[in-house]
């Protein structure tokens, strides 16, 4: 399993900073919609929320690494 996570992070590292920022905005909006839907009804795939949260954290980590470098 760790290889899968490294591949996902490596794939994100290949993106430009602008693309990462756009992807972060899209994922943040999607997370908001899922959280709202979870509060009003049951989700068909509750693990999707966890995946989105982790992807957001990965992107923020990469952006922070680039800012400090």
Protein backbone atom coordinates (compact mmCIF):
# COMPACT_ATOMS: atom_id res chain seq x y z
CA UNK A 1 0.00 0.00 0.00
CA UNK A 2 2.71 2.60 0.66
CA UNK A 3 3.79 2.41 -2.99
CA UNK A 4 0.31 3.53 -4.02
CA UNK A 5 0.52 6.56 -1.75
CA UNK A 6 3.98 7.46 -3.04
CA UNK A 7 2.75 7.24 -6.61
CA UNK A 8 -0.16 9.56 -5.85
CA UNK A 9 2.18 12.09 -4.23
CA UNK A 10 4.71 11.74 -7.05
CA UNK A 11 1.98 12.36 -9.58
CA UNK A 12 0.97 15.52 -7.73
CA UNK A 13 4.58 16.69 -7.53
CA UNK A 14 4.80 16.57 -11.32
CA UNK A 15 2.03 19.20 -11.58
CA UNK A 16 2.85 22.91 -11.70
CA UNK A 17 2.08 25.11 -8.72
CA UNK A 18 -0.84 26.79 -10.50
CA UNK A 19 -2.36 23.42 -11.38
CA UNK A 20 -2.00 22.28 -7.77
CA UNK A 21 -3.75 25.43 -6.54
CA UNK A 22 -6.62 24.84 -8.96
CA UNK A 23 -6.89 21.20 -7.92
CA UNK A 24 -6.90 22.26 -4.27
CA UNK A 25 -9.78 24.67 -4.92
CA UNK A 26 -11.79 21.98 -6.71
CA UNK A 27 -11.20 19.41 -3.96
CA UNK A 28 -12.06 21.92 -1.24
CA UNK A 29 -15.36 22.73 -2.97
CA UNK A 30 -16.12 19.03 -3.41
CA UNK A 31 -15.32 18.38 0.27
CA UNK A 32 -17.72 21.16 1.28
CA UNK A 33 -20.50 19.64 -0.84
CA UNK A 34 -19.90 16.16 0.59
CA UNK A 35 -19.88 17.47 4.18
CA UNK A 36 -23.12 19.32 3.52
CA UNK A 37 -24.72 16.26 1.94
CA UNK A 38 -23.52 14.07 4.83
CA UNK A 39 -25.30 16.39 7.27
CA UNK A 40 -28.58 16.18 5.38
CA UNK A 41 -28.59 12.60 4.07
CA UNK A 42 -26.48 9.47 3.99
CA UNK A 43 -23.58 9.26 1.56
CA UNK A 44 -23.34 6.42 -0.93
CA UNK A 45 -19.57 6.22 -0.42
CA UNK A 46 -18.49 7.69 2.93
CA UNK A 47 -14.84 6.77 2.31
CA UNK A 48 -14.78 9.30 -0.52
CA UNK A 49 -14.71 12.06 2.09
CA UNK A 50 -11.59 10.58 3.69
CA UNK A 51 -9.87 10.28 0.31
CA UNK A 52 -10.61 13.91 -0.54
CA UNK A 53 -9.35 15.11 2.85
CA UNK A 54 -6.10 13.21 2.39
CA UNK A 55 -5.64 14.49 -1.16
CA UNK A 56 -6.12 18.05 0.12
CA UNK A 57 -3.48 17.42 2.79
CA UNK A 58 -1.07 16.03 0.18
CA UNK A 59 -1.51 19.07 -2.04
CA UNK A 60 -1.07 21.48 0.86
CA UNK A 61 2.09 19.64 1.91
CA UNK A 62 3.57 19.86 -1.58
CA UNK A 63 2.69 23.56 -1.86
CA UNK A 64 4.30 24.23 1.53
CA UNK A 65 7.44 22.32 0.50
CA UNK A 66 7.70 24.44 -2.65
CA UNK A 67 7.16 27.67 -0.72
CA UNK A 68 9.92 26.88 1.77
CA UNK A 69 12.40 25.67 -0.88
